[in-house]
Amino acid sequence: MDENRLKKVVQSALDISYDKSLLISEFRALQTHMYDNNKCDWVPDSYSLFLVLKRIKDCDDNRNVSSFIESVIGFECVVDFD
């Protein structure tokens, strides 16, 4: 997975939905795994995103940012604010 490309997609979605009031200061995409009983081994499953966001300006929108990103990207997302 291209982490830089994914970061740009997430930042673009935040810019559109939150009127450029949030900026990604840290971004990590970590691969998750699940146990495959047939292979008796852990196999790649999906990704989890970890973001630290910085507020550029006041945002009156109280939507849950992590739920929004999860709905756009489809990966589990953990968001913290600077």
Protein backbone atom coordinates (compact mmCIF):
# COMPACT_ATOMS: atom_id res chain seq x y z
CA MET A 1 0.00 0.00 0.00
CA ASP A 2 1.21 3.47 -0.86
CA GLU A 3 0.95 5.30 2.48
CA ASN A 4 1.62 8.73 0.93
CA ARG A 5 -1.17 8.33 -1.63
CA LEU A 6 -3.61 7.18 1.06
CA LYS A 7 -2.64 10.16 3.23
CA LYS A 8 -3.42 12.51 0.32
CA VAL A 9 -6.81 10.88 -0.22
CA VAL A 10 -7.68 11.20 3.49
CA GLN A 11 -6.48 14.83 3.59
CA SER A 12 -8.57 15.63 0.51
CA ALA A 13 -11.68 14.09 2.11
CA LEU A 14 -11.04 16.09 5.30
CA ASP A 15 -10.57 19.30 3.28
CA ILE A 16 -13.88 18.82 1.48
CA SER A 17 -15.94 17.79 4.51
CA TYR A 18 -14.37 19.97 7.19
CA ASP A 19 -13.71 23.12 5.11
CA LYS A 20 -9.90 22.78 5.36
CA SER A 21 -10.02 23.15 9.16
CA LEU A 22 -8.06 19.94 9.88
CA LEU A 23 -4.49 19.09 8.84
CA ILE A 24 -2.85 15.66 9.16
CA SER A 25 0.32 16.06 11.22
CA GLU A 26 1.07 12.33 11.59
CA PHE A 27 -0.19 9.39 9.53
CA ARG A 28 0.46 5.65 9.76
CA ALA A 29 -1.18 2.77 7.93
CA LEU A 30 -0.50 -0.60 9.55
CA GLN A 31 -1.46 -3.92 8.04
CA THR A 32 -3.78 -6.10 10.10
CA HIS A 33 -3.86 -9.90 10.04
CA MET A 34 -6.37 -12.66 10.69
CA TYR A 35 -5.81 -16.27 11.57
CA ASP A 36 -6.54 -18.70 8.73
CA ASN A 37 -7.55 -22.08 10.17
CA ASN A 38 -6.95 -23.82 6.84
CA LYS A 39 -3.34 -22.64 6.62
CA CYS A 40 -2.80 -22.62 10.39
CA ASP A 41 -1.12 -19.25 10.01
CA TRP A 42 -1.75 -15.52 10.20
CA VAL A 43 -2.57 -13.94 6.82
CA PRO A 44 -2.86 -10.27 5.81
CA ASP A 45 -6.41 -9.03 6.22
CA SER A 46 -6.76 -5.24 6.00
CA TYR A 47 -5.23 -2.00 7.31
CA SER A 48 -5.70 0.25 10.32
CA LEU A 49 -5.04 3.97 10.07
CA PHE A 50 -3.59 6.05 12.88
CA LEU A 51 -3.80 9.83 12.48
CA VAL A 52 -2.87 12.88 14.49
CA LEU A 53 -4.80 15.94 13.32
CA LYS A 54 -4.11 19.58 13.92
CA ARG A 55 -6.97 22.09 14.00
CA ILE A 56 -6.19 24.95 11.61
CA LYS A 57 -9.33 26.93 12.42
CA ASP A 58 -12.43 26.46 14.56
CA CYS A 59 -14.80 23.85 13.23
CA ASP A 60 -18.44 23.92 14.27
CA ASP A 61 -18.96 20.47 12.79
CA ASN A 62 -19.16 17.94 15.63
CA ARG A 63 -19.18 14.80 13.50
CA ASN A 64 -16.92 11.99 14.65
CA VAL A 65 -13.85 12.33 12.42
CA SER A 66 -12.73 8.70 12.80
CA SER A 67 -16.18 7.40 11.77
CA PHE A 68 -16.16 9.74 8.79
CA ILE A 69 -12.75 8.52 7.59
CA GLU A 70 -13.76 4.89 8.14
CA SER A 71 -16.87 5.43 6.00
CA VAL A 72 -14.84 7.03 3.19
CA ILE A 73 -11.79 4.74 3.15
CA GLY A 74 -13.17 1.52 4.61
CA PHE A 75 -10.30 0.90 7.04
CA GLU A 76 -10.43 1.05 10.82
CA CYS A 77 -9.24 4.47 11.92
CA VAL A 78 -7.91 5.96 15.18
CA VAL A 79 -7.75 9.76 15.37
CA ASP A 80 -6.06 11.96 17.95
CA PHE A 81 -5.79 15.76 18.01
CA ASP A 82 -2.69 17.88 18.64
